[in-house]
PDB file of N, CA and C in Angstrom:
ATOM      1  N   MET A   1       0.917  -1.138  -0.022  1.00  0.00           N
ATOM      2  CA  MET A   1      -0.018   0.039   0.114  1.00  0.00           C
ATOM      3  C   MET A   1       1.023   1.252   0.024  1.00  0.00           C
ATOM      4  N   GLN A   2       0.539   2.154  -0.943  1.00  0.00           N
ATOM      5  CA  GLN A   2       1.350   3.422  -0.856  1.00  0.00           C
ATOM      6  C   GLN A   2       0.395   4.549  -0.513  1.00  0.00           C
ATOM      7  N   LEU A   3       1.105   5.393   0.377  1.00  0.00           N
ATOM      8  CA  LEU A   3       0.302   6.613   1.083  1.00  0.00           C
ATOM      9  C   LEU A   3       1.134   7.766   0.608  1.00  0.00           C
ATOM     10  N   GLU A   4       0.752   8.386  -0.438  1.00  0.00           N
ATOM     11  CA  GLU A   4       1.607   9.709  -0.827  1.00  0.00           C
ATOM     12  C   GLU A   4       1.830  10.440   0.125  1.00  0.00           C
ATOM     13  N   GLY A   5       3.092  10.917   0.395  1.00  0.00           N
ATOM     14  CA  GLY A   5       3.541  11.786   1.466  1.00  0.00           C
ATOM     15  C   GLY A   5       3.687  11.391   2.842  1.00  0.00           C
ATOM     16  N   LEU A   6       3.410   9.900   2.865  1.00  0.00           N
ATOM     17  CA  LEU A   6       3.420   9.595   4.342  1.00  0.00           C
ATOM     18  C   LEU A   6       4.279   8.237   4.487  1.00  0.00           C
ATOM     19  N   GLU A   7       5.231   8.335   5.376  1.00  0.00           N
ATOM     20  CA  GLU A   7       6.088   7.144   5.530  1.00  0.00           C
ATOM     21  C   GLU A   7       5.809   6.681   6.792  1.00  0.00           C
ATOM     22  N   LEU A   8       5.121   5.353   6.864  1.00  0.00           N
ATOM     23  CA  LEU A   8       5.058   4.693   8.150  1.00  0.00           C
ATOM     24  C   LEU A   8       6.066   4.042   8.489  1.00  0.00           C
ATOM     25  N   LYS A   9       6.461   4.412   9.960  1.00  0.00           N
ATOM     26  CA  LYS A   9       7.446   3.957  10.406  1.00  0.00           C
ATOM     27  C   LYS A   9       7.436   2.909  11.685  1.00  0.00           C
ATOM     28  N   GLY A  10       6.194   2.867  12.141  1.00  0.00           N
ATOM     29  CA  GLY A  10       5.940   2.165  13.271  1.00  0.00           C
ATOM     30  C   GLY A  10       4.505   2.214  13.689  1.00  0.00           C
ATOM     31  N   LEU A  11       4.218   1.708  14.970  1.00  0.00           N
ATOM     32  CA  LEU A  11       3.092   1.837  15.623  1.00  0.00           C
ATOM     33  C   LEU A  11       3.262   2.524  17.051  1.00  0.00           C
ATOM     34  N   MET A  12       2.204   3.231  17.643  1.00  0.00           N
ATOM     35  CA  MET A  12       2.258   3.611  18.974  1.00  0.00           C
ATOM     36  C   MET A  12       0.968   3.156  19.612  1.00  0.00           C
ATOM     37  N   ALA A  13       1.080   2.685  20.848  1.00  0.00           N
ATOM     38  CA  ALA A  13      -0.212   2.030  21.539  1.00  0.00           C
ATOM     39  C   ALA A  13       0.047   2.425  23.011  1.00  0.00           C
ATOM     40  N   VAL A  14      -1.169   2.397  23.681  1.00  0.00           N
ATOM     41  CA  VAL A  14      -1.288   2.422  25.113  1.00  0.00           C
ATOM     42  C   VAL A  14      -2.075   1.331  25.576  1.00  0.00           C
ATOM     43  N   ALA A  15      -1.601   0.803  26.690  1.00  0.00           N
ATOM     44  CA  ALA A  15      -2.456  -0.407  27.291  1.00  0.00           C
ATOM     45  C   ALA A  15      -3.831   0.153  27.843  1.00  0.00           C
ATOM     46  N   PRO A  16      -4.930  -0.454  27.482  1.00  0.00           N
ATOM     47  CA  PRO A  16      -6.221   0.131  28.083  1.00  0.00           C
ATOM     48  C   PRO A  16      -6.251  -0.056  29.606  1.00  0.00           C
ATOM     49  N   ILE A  17      -6.889   1.058  30.208  1.00  0.00           N
ATOM     50  CA  ILE A  17      -6.847   0.974  31.629  1.00  0.00           C
ATOM     51  C   ILE A  17      -7.705  -0.242  32.176  1.00  0.00           C
ATOM     52  N   SER A  18      -8.606  -0.795  31.402  1.00  0.00           N
ATOM     53  CA  SER A  18      -9.350  -2.122  31.819  1.00  0.00           C
ATOM     54  C   SER A  18      -8.712  -3.316  31.618  1.00  0.00           C
ATOM     55  N   GLU A  19      -7.566  -3.452  30.998  1.00  0.00           N
ATOM     56  CA  GLU A  19      -6.746  -4.530  30.688  1.00  0.00           C
ATOM     57  C   GLU A  19      -5.386  -4.857  31.477  1.00  0.00           C
ATOM     58  N   ILE A  20      -5.058  -5.928  31.632  1.00  0.00           N
ATOM     59  CA  ILE A  20      -3.742  -6.284  32.176  1.00  0.00           C
ATOM     60  C   ILE A  20      -2.692  -5.922  31.040  1.00  0.00           C
ATOM     61  N   PRO A  21      -1.780  -5.153  31.493  1.00  0.00           N
ATOM     62  CA  PRO A  21      -0.712  -4.565  30.384  1.00  0.00           C
ATOM     63  C   PRO A  21       0.014  -5.734  29.660  1.00  0.00           C
ATOM     64  N   GLU A  22       0.098  -6.757  30.284  1.00  0.00           N
ATOM     65  CA  GLU A  22       0.695  -7.858  29.592  1.00  0.00           C
ATOM     66  C   GLU A  22       0.068  -8.380  28.518  1.00  0.00           C
ATOM     67  N   SER A  23      -1.116  -8.646  28.727  1.00  0.00           N
ATOM     68  CA  SER A  23      -2.102  -9.135  27.729  1.00  0.00           C
ATOM     69  C   SER A  23      -2.171  -8.282  26.571  1.00  0.00           C
ATOM     70  N   ALA A  24      -2.267  -7.128  26.867  1.00  0.00           N
ATOM     71  CA  ALA A  24      -2.616  -5.938  25.721  1.00  0.00           C
ATOM     72  C   ALA A  24      -1.115  -5.872  24.895  1.00  0.00           C
ATOM     73  N   PHE A  25       0.062  -5.972  25.596  1.00  0.00           N
ATOM     74  CA  PHE A  25       1.132  -5.755  24.726  1.00  0.00           C
ATOM     75  C   PHE A  25       1.371  -7.290  23.948  1.00  0.00           C
ATOM     76  N   ALA A  26       1.169  -8.353  24.445  1.00  0.00           N
ATOM     77  CA  ALA A  26       1.196  -9.588  23.796  1.00  0.00           C
ATOM     78  C   ALA A  26       0.335  -9.463  22.535  1.00  0.00           C
ATOM     79  N   ARG A  27      -0.818  -8.882  22.670  1.00  0.00           N
ATOM     80  CA  ARG A  27      -1.676  -8.858  21.373  1.00  0.00           C
ATOM     81  C   ARG A  27      -1.008  -7.872  20.501  1.00  0.00           C
ATOM     82  N   LEU A  28      -0.592  -6.770  20.982  1.00  0.00           N
ATOM     83  CA  LEU A  28       0.149  -5.645  20.170  1.00  0.00           C
ATOM     84  C   LEU A  28       1.398  -6.281  19.578  1.00  0.00           C
ATOM     85  N   ALA A  29       1.991  -7.142  20.138  1.00  0.00           N
ATOM     86  CA  ALA A  29       3.009  -7.771  19.327  1.00  0.00           C
ATOM     87  C   ALA A  29       2.727  -8.394  18.124  1.00  0.00           C
ATOM     88  N   GLY A  30       1.643  -9.207  18.130  1.00  0.00           N
ATOM     89  CA  GLY A  30       1.031  -9.640  16.979  1.00  0.00           C
ATOM     90  C   GLY A  30       0.442  -8.854  16.014  1.00  0.00           C
ATOM     91  N   ILE A  31       0.003  -7.725  16.295  1.00  0.00           N
ATOM     92  CA  ILE A  31      -0.523  -6.773  15.358  1.00  0.00           C
ATOM     93  C   ILE A  31       0.537  -6.101  14.850  1.00  0.00           C
ATOM     94  N   PHE A  32       1.579  -5.779  15.446  1.00  0.00           N
ATOM     95  CA  PHE A  32       2.817  -5.198  15.055  1.00  0.00           C
ATOM     96  C   PHE A  32       3.489  -6.080  14.006  1.00  0.00           C
ATOM     97  N   SER A  33       3.457  -7.578  14.174  1.00  0.00           N
ATOM     98  CA  SER A  33       4.171  -8.362  13.141  1.00  0.00           C
ATOM     99  C   SER A  33       3.461  -8.191  11.945  1.00  0.00           C
ATOM    100  N   ASP A  34       1.925  -8.285  11.972  1.00  0.00           N
ATOM    101  CA  ASP A  34       1.159  -8.170  10.733  1.00  0.00           C
ATOM    102  C   ASP A  34       1.372  -6.953  10.025  1.00  0.00           C
ATOM    103  N   PHE A  35       1.495  -5.930  10.740  1.00  0.00           N
ATOM    104  CA  PHE A  35       1.844  -4.324  10.295  1.00  0.00           C
ATOM    105  C   PHE A  35       3.222  -4.426   9.393  1.00  0.00           C
ATOM    106  N   GLN A  36       4.283  -5.258  10.013  1.00  0.00           N
ATOM    107  CA  GLN A  36       5.557  -5.225   9.377  1.00  0.00           C
ATOM    108  C   GLN A  36       5.366  -5.869   7.998  1.00  0.00           C
ATOM    109  N   GLY A  37       4.594  -6.899   7.926  1.00  0.00           N
ATOM    110  CA  GLY A  37       4.176  -7.845   6.747  1.00  0.00           C
ATOM    111  C   GLY A  37       3.615  -6.934   5.718  1.00  0.00           C
ATOM    112  N   ILE A  38       3.122  -5.934   6.071  1.00  0.00           N
ATOM    113  CA  ILE A  38       2.457  -4.831   5.142  1.00  0.00           C
ATOM    114  C   ILE A  38       3.586  -3.727   4.732  1.00  0.00           C
ATOM    115  N   TYR A  39       4.222  -3.284   5.692  1.00  0.00           N
ATOM    116  CA  TYR A  39       5.207  -2.302   5.775  1.00  0.00           C
ATOM    117  C   TYR A  39       6.528  -2.588   6.384  1.00  0.00           C
ATOM    118  N   PRO A  40       7.327  -3.149   5.555  1.00  0.00           N
ATOM    119  CA  PRO A  40       8.406  -3.845   6.085  1.00  0.00           C
ATOM    120  C   PRO A  40       9.632  -2.754   6.495  1.00  0.00           C
ATOM    121  N   ASP A  41       9.470  -1.532   6.242  1.00  0.00           N
ATOM    122  CA  ASP A  41      10.368  -0.614   6.672  1.00  0.00           C
ATOM    123  C   ASP A  41       9.929  -0.233   8.092  1.00  0.00           C
ATOM    124  N   ALA A  42       8.967  -0.640   8.676  1.00  0.00           N
ATOM    125  CA  ALA A  42       8.396  -0.268   9.988  1.00  0.00           C
ATOM    126  C   ALA A  42       9.300  -0.895  10.982  1.00  0.00           C
ATOM    127  N   LYS A  43       9.915  -0.053  11.747  1.00  0.00           N
ATOM    128  CA  LYS A  43      10.833  -0.700  12.712  1.00  0.00           C
ATOM    129  C   LYS A  43      10.556  -0.340  14.203  1.00  0.00           C
ATOM    130  N   TRP A  44       9.639   0.812  14.439  1.00  0.00           N
ATOM    131  CA  TRP A  44       9.289   1.262  15.798  1.00  0.00           C
ATOM    132  C   TRP A  44       8.058   0.897  16.311  1.00  0.00           C
ATOM    133  N   LEU A  45       8.042   0.384  17.551  1.00  0.00           N
ATOM    134  CA  LEU A  45       6.934   0.042  18.275  1.00  0.00           C
ATOM    135  C   LEU A  45       6.827   0.864  19.670  1.00  0.00           C
ATOM    136  N   SER A  46       6.453   1.936  19.562  1.00  0.00           N
ATOM    137  CA  SER A  46       6.250   2.765  20.968  1.00  0.00           C
ATOM    138  C   SER A  46       5.060   2.252  21.694  1.00  0.00           C
ATOM    139  N   ALA A  47       5.429   1.612  22.798  1.00  0.00           N
ATOM    140  CA  ALA A  47       4.392   1.107  23.871  1.00  0.00           C
ATOM    141  C   ALA A  47       4.922   1.302  25.144  1.00  0.00           C
ATOM    142  N   GLY A  48       4.039   1.383  26.160  1.00  0.00           N
ATOM    143  CA  GLY A  48       4.556   1.272  27.617  1.00  0.00           C
ATOM    144  C   GLY A  48       4.858   2.639  27.896  1.00  0.00           C
ATOM    145  N   MET A  49       4.360   2.742  29.440  1.00  0.00           N
ATOM    146  CA  MET A  49       4.646   4.033  30.080  1.00  0.00           C
ATOM    147  C   MET A  49       5.278   3.754  31.522  1.00  0.00           C
ATOM    148  N   SER A  50       5.469   4.674  32.349  1.00  0.00           N
ATOM    149  CA  SER A  50       6.156   4.489  33.513  1.00  0.00           C
ATOM    150  C   SER A  50       5.732   3.335  34.313  1.00  0.00           C
ATOM    151  N   GLY A  51       4.496   2.805  34.174  1.00  0.00           N
ATOM    152  CA  GLY A  51       3.986   1.889  35.180  1.00  0.00           C
ATOM    153  C   GLY A  51       4.000   0.398  34.460  1.00  0.00           C
ATOM    154  N   ASP A  52       4.237   0.350  33.328  1.00  0.00           N
ATOM    155  CA  ASP A  52       4.180  -0.917  32.517  1.00  0.00           C
ATOM    156  C   ASP A  52       5.277  -0.978  31.370  1.00  0.00           C
ATOM    157  N   PHE A  53       6.345  -0.277  31.462  1.00  0.00           N
ATOM    158  CA  PHE A  53       7.161  -0.274  30.411  1.00  0.00           C
ATOM    159  C   PHE A  53       8.034  -1.597  30.311  1.00  0.00           C
ATOM    160  N   GLU A  54       8.280  -2.206  31.443  1.00  0.00           N
ATOM    161  CA  GLU A  54       8.999  -3.480  31.423  1.00  0.00           C
ATOM    162  C   GLU A  54       8.210  -4.556  30.547  1.00  0.00           C
ATOM    163  N   SER A  55       6.933  -4.671  30.812  1.00  0.00           N
ATOM    164  CA  SER A  55       6.135  -5.499  30.034  1.00  0.00           C
ATOM    165  C   SER A  55       6.237  -5.247  28.546  1.00  0.00           C
ATOM    166  N   ALA A  56       6.124  -3.932  28.098  1.00  0.00           N
ATOM    167  CA  ALA A  56       6.142  -3.458  26.987  1.00  0.00           C
ATOM    168  C   ALA A  56       7.351  -3.787  25.989  1.00  0.00           C
ATOM    169  N   ILE A  57       8.630  -3.576  26.761  1.00  0.00           N
ATOM    170  CA  ILE A  57       9.975  -4.013  26.138  1.00  0.00           C
ATOM    171  C   ILE A  57       9.844  -5.588  25.891  1.00  0.00           C
ATOM    172  N   HIS A  58       9.287  -6.304  27.112  1.00  0.00           N
ATOM    173  CA  HIS A  58       9.304  -7.848  26.935  1.00  0.00           C
ATOM    174  C   HIS A  58       8.659  -8.229  25.559  1.00  0.00           C
ATOM    175  N   HIS A  59       7.616  -7.295  25.134  1.00  0.00           N
ATOM    176  CA  HIS A  59       6.875  -7.813  23.950  1.00  0.00           C
ATOM    177  C   HIS A  59       7.207  -6.940  22.662  1.00  0.00           C
ATOM    178  N   GLY A  60       8.493  -6.328  22.677  1.00  0.00           N
ATOM    179  CA  GLY A  60       9.242  -5.719  21.478  1.00  0.00           C
ATOM    180  C   GLY A  60       9.108  -4.300  21.366  1.00  0.00           C
ATOM    181  N   ALA A  61       8.680  -3.571  22.267  1.00  0.00           N
ATOM    182  CA  ALA A  61       8.729  -2.246  22.361  1.00  0.00           C
ATOM    183  C   ALA A  61      10.137  -1.568  22.008  1.00  0.00           C
ATOM    184  N   THR A  62      10.168  -0.693  20.973  1.00  0.00           N
ATOM    185  CA  THR A  62      11.506  -0.024  20.865  1.00  0.00           C
ATOM    186  C   THR A  62      11.686   1.407  21.250  1.00  0.00           C
ATOM    187  N   HIS A  63      10.373   1.980  21.820  1.00  0.00           N
ATOM    188  CA  HIS A  63      10.180   3.137  22.368  1.00  0.00           C
ATOM    189  C   HIS A  63       9.422   3.312  23.671  1.00  0.00           C
ATOM    190  N   VAL A  64       9.723   3.814  24.642  1.00  0.00           N
ATOM    191  CA  VAL A  64       8.672   3.988  25.851  1.00  0.00           C
ATOM    192  C   VAL A  64       8.662   5.257  26.238  1.00  0.00           C
ATOM    193  N   ARG A  65       7.528   5.613  27.207  1.00  0.00           N
ATOM    194  CA  ARG A  65       7.343   6.886  27.591  1.00  0.00           C
ATOM    195  C   ARG A  65       7.450   6.837  29.193  1.00  0.00           C
ATOM    196  N   LEU A  66       8.323   7.611  29.580  1.00  0.00           N
ATOM    197  CA  LEU A  66       8.916   7.354  31.028  1.00  0.00           C
ATOM    198  C   LEU A  66       8.483   8.875  31.777  1.00  0.00           C
ATOM    199  N   GLY A  67       7.688   9.738  31.536  1.00  0.00           N
ATOM    200  CA  GLY A  67       7.652  11.062  31.919  1.00  0.00           C
ATOM    201  C   GLY A  67       7.487  10.913  33.532  1.00  0.00           C
ATOM    202  N   SER A  68       6.522  10.262  33.933  1.00  0.00           N
ATOM    203  CA  SER A  68       6.349  10.235  35.416  1.00  0.00           C
ATOM    204  C   SER A  68       7.342   9.811  36.285  1.00  0.00           C
ATOM    205  N   SER A  69       8.359   8.772  35.753  1.00  0.00           N
ATOM    206  CA  SER A  69       9.265   8.179  36.531  1.00  0.00           C
ATOM    207  C   SER A  69      10.466   9.214  36.473  1.00  0.00           C
ATOM    208  N   ILE A  70      10.594   9.995  35.463  1.00  0.00           N
ATOM    209  CA  ILE A  70      11.602  10.914  35.418  1.00  0.00           C
ATOM    210  C   ILE A  70      11.196  12.288  36.021  1.00  0.00           C
ATOM    211  N   LEU A  71      10.062  12.784  35.653  1.00  0.00           N
ATOM    212  CA  LEU A  71       9.750  14.003  36.203  1.00  0.00           C
ATOM    213  C   LEU A  71       8.677  14.091  37.278  1.00  0.00           C
ATOM    214  N   GLY A  72       8.118  12.937  37.830  1.00  0.00           N
ATOM    215  CA  GLY A  72       7.266  12.875  38.716  1.00  0.00           C
ATOM    216  C   GLY A  72       5.786  13.004  38.477  1.00  0.00           C
ATOM    217  N   ASN A  73       4.800  12.831  39.205  1.00  0.00           N
ATOM    218  CA  ASN A  73       3.449  12.801  38.891  1.00  0.00           C
ATOM    219  C   ASN A  73       3.115  14.203  38.468  1.00  0.00           C
ATOM    220  N   ARG A  74       2.016  14.310  37.553  1.00  0.00           N
ATOM    221  CA  ARG A  74       1.505  15.749  37.190  1.00  0.00           C
ATOM    222  C   ARG A  74       0.614  16.355  38.269  1.00  0.00           C
ATOM    223  N   SER A  75       0.675  17.669  38.298  1.00  0.00           N
ATOM    224  CA  SER A  75      -0.419  18.086  39.233  1.00  0.00           C
ATOM    225  C   SER A  75      -1.327  18.900  38.286  1.00  0.00           C
ATOM    226  N   TYR A  76      -2.585  18.547  38.318  1.00  0.00           N
ATOM    227  CA  TYR A  76      -3.642  18.995  37.641  1.00  0.00           C
ATOM    228  C   TYR A  76      -4.242  20.183  38.589  1.00  0.00           C
ATOM    229  N   LEU A  77      -4.562  21.272  37.705  1.00  0.00           N
ATOM    230  CA  LEU A  77      -5.233  22.271  38.631  1.00  0.00           C
ATOM    231  C   LEU A  77      -6.688  22.035  38.610  1.00  0.00           C
TER     232      LEU A  77
END
């Protein structure tokens, strides 16, 4: 599939609040594998945040988001 002006490099996902992250990331690994079959240049899988990044890495994440671990929890007004 060609998308003019768009280069798909990977996927980004967040585990649902209502699901165990391990299950969500296991399912995402399968989705990403299928995605790479269509877009073989796709190498990036961004998944996992401060509370679940270990599980995301275990399932193939190449990028994680660790804002709360580094900067602390947000203060909402």
